[in-house]
Amino acid sequence: MPAFRTTRTAVAVGCALTAAALAGAVPAQAADGTVGQRETVCAQDLYVRTDPGGAWMGTLFQGQTFTVERKQGGWDYGFAYGNINRHGWVQDGWFC
């Protein structure tokens, strides 16, 4: 039985460490964008599209910014900074 307990403890510790590492990699809370605000992307990556749910035109990465100009049904329209530097749509709810 001691080997089973050791293995079970090792698995529990490994799971706890994995959860802690993931918590550090992705911010715990993401928020909706606010019209008129330059928001910081909390998601690991956030696709910028031509229309809500439309064609992909680039990707914003965590820490890059997006100015929300208007909102429509769970999508935000505005200016994507970083490596995109153009207007487009992003899914709402992924800002810090």
Protein backbone atom coordinates (compact mmCIF):
# COMPACT_ATOMS: atom_id res chain seq x y z
CA MET A 1 0.00 0.00 0.00
CA PRO A 2 2.76 2.59 0.61
CA ALA A 3 3.61 2.63 -3.13
CA PHE A 4 -0.03 3.38 -4.01
CA ARG A 5 -0.16 6.27 -1.55
CA THR A 6 3.10 7.67 -2.90
CA THR A 7 1.85 7.47 -6.48
CA ARG A 8 -1.48 9.05 -5.58
CA THR A 9 0.31 11.87 -3.73
CA ALA A 10 2.68 12.42 -6.65
CA VAL A 11 -0.24 12.65 -9.08
CA ALA A 12 -2.06 15.12 -6.81
CA VAL A 13 1.05 17.28 -6.48
CA GLY A 14 1.62 17.15 -10.26
CA CYS A 15 -1.98 18.22 -10.93
CA ALA A 16 -1.67 21.10 -8.45
CA LEU A 17 1.56 22.29 -10.07
CA THR A 18 0.03 22.07 -13.55
CA ALA A 19 -3.01 24.08 -12.43
CA ALA A 20 -0.76 26.71 -10.86
CA ALA A 21 1.33 26.96 -14.04
CA LEU A 22 -1.77 27.35 -16.20
CA ALA A 23 -3.20 29.97 -13.87
CA GLY A 24 -0.01 31.99 -14.30
CA ALA A 25 -0.05 31.60 -18.09
CA VAL A 26 -3.60 32.88 -18.59
CA PRO A 27 -5.04 35.73 -16.53
CA ALA A 28 -7.73 34.56 -14.12
CA GLN A 29 -10.37 37.04 -15.32
CA ALA A 30 -11.15 38.47 -18.69
CA ALA A 31 -13.63 41.29 -19.21
CA ASP A 32 -15.83 42.83 -21.88
CA GLY A 33 -14.51 45.81 -23.80
CA THR A 34 -15.71 49.35 -23.11
CA VAL A 35 -16.55 51.70 -25.98
CA GLY A 36 -13.98 54.48 -26.21
CA GLN A 37 -11.32 52.57 -24.26
CA ARG A 38 -8.02 51.14 -25.45
CA GLU A 39 -8.18 47.64 -23.98
CA THR A 40 -5.36 45.16 -23.33
CA VAL A 41 -5.82 41.61 -24.64
CA CYS A 42 -5.86 39.03 -21.82
CA ALA A 43 -6.36 36.00 -24.07
CA GLN A 44 -3.29 34.17 -25.35
CA ASP A 45 -4.41 35.15 -28.86
CA LEU A 46 -7.46 36.96 -30.23
CA TYR A 47 -8.45 36.82 -33.89
CA VAL A 48 -9.24 40.07 -35.69
CA ARG A 49 -11.89 39.60 -38.37
CA THR A 50 -13.36 41.55 -41.28
CA ASP A 51 -16.92 41.25 -39.87
CA PRO A 52 -18.44 39.65 -36.74
CA GLY A 53 -17.57 35.98 -37.28
CA GLY A 54 -16.15 36.88 -40.70
CA ALA A 55 -12.83 36.17 -42.38
CA TRP A 56 -9.64 36.20 -40.30
CA MET A 57 -7.32 39.13 -41.01
CA GLY A 58 -4.79 38.86 -38.19
CA THR A 59 -4.14 37.90 -34.58
CA LEU A 60 -3.65 40.05 -31.50
CA PHE A 61 -1.53 38.42 -28.81
CA GLN A 62 -1.69 38.72 -25.03
CA GLY A 63 -0.59 42.19 -23.95
CA GLN A 64 -1.37 43.89 -27.28
CA THR A 65 -4.14 46.48 -27.40
CA PHE A 66 -7.44 47.19 -29.16
CA THR A 67 -9.51 50.38 -29.05
CA VAL A 68 -13.23 49.55 -28.89
CA GLU A 69 -15.28 51.90 -31.09
CA ARG A 70 -18.60 50.04 -31.08
CA LYS A 71 -20.22 46.78 -29.97
CA GLN A 72 -22.58 44.41 -31.74
CA GLY A 73 -23.94 41.09 -30.44
CA GLY A 74 -20.87 39.84 -28.58
CA TRP A 75 -18.37 41.44 -30.97
CA ASP A 76 -16.32 44.64 -30.72
CA TYR A 77 -15.32 46.82 -33.66
CA GLY A 78 -12.29 49.03 -33.40
CA PHE A 79 -8.61 49.53 -34.07
CA ALA A 80 -6.19 46.64 -33.49
CA TYR A 81 -2.70 47.81 -32.56
CA GLY A 82 0.38 45.58 -32.38
CA ASN A 83 1.25 43.68 -35.51
CA ILE A 84 -2.10 44.41 -37.24
CA ASN A 85 -2.57 48.21 -37.06
CA ARG A 86 -5.96 48.34 -38.77
CA HIS A 87 -9.67 48.31 -38.00
CA GLY A 88 -11.54 45.05 -37.51
CA TRP A 89 -13.80 42.97 -35.28
CA VAL A 90 -12.86 40.85 -32.27
CA GLN A 91 -14.93 38.61 -30.03
CA ASP A 92 -15.87 40.46 -26.83
CA GLY A 93 -14.89 39.23 -23.39
CA TRP A 94 -11.13 38.75 -23.81
CA PHE A 95 -9.74 41.98 -22.37
CA CYS A 96 -7.98 42.56 -19.04
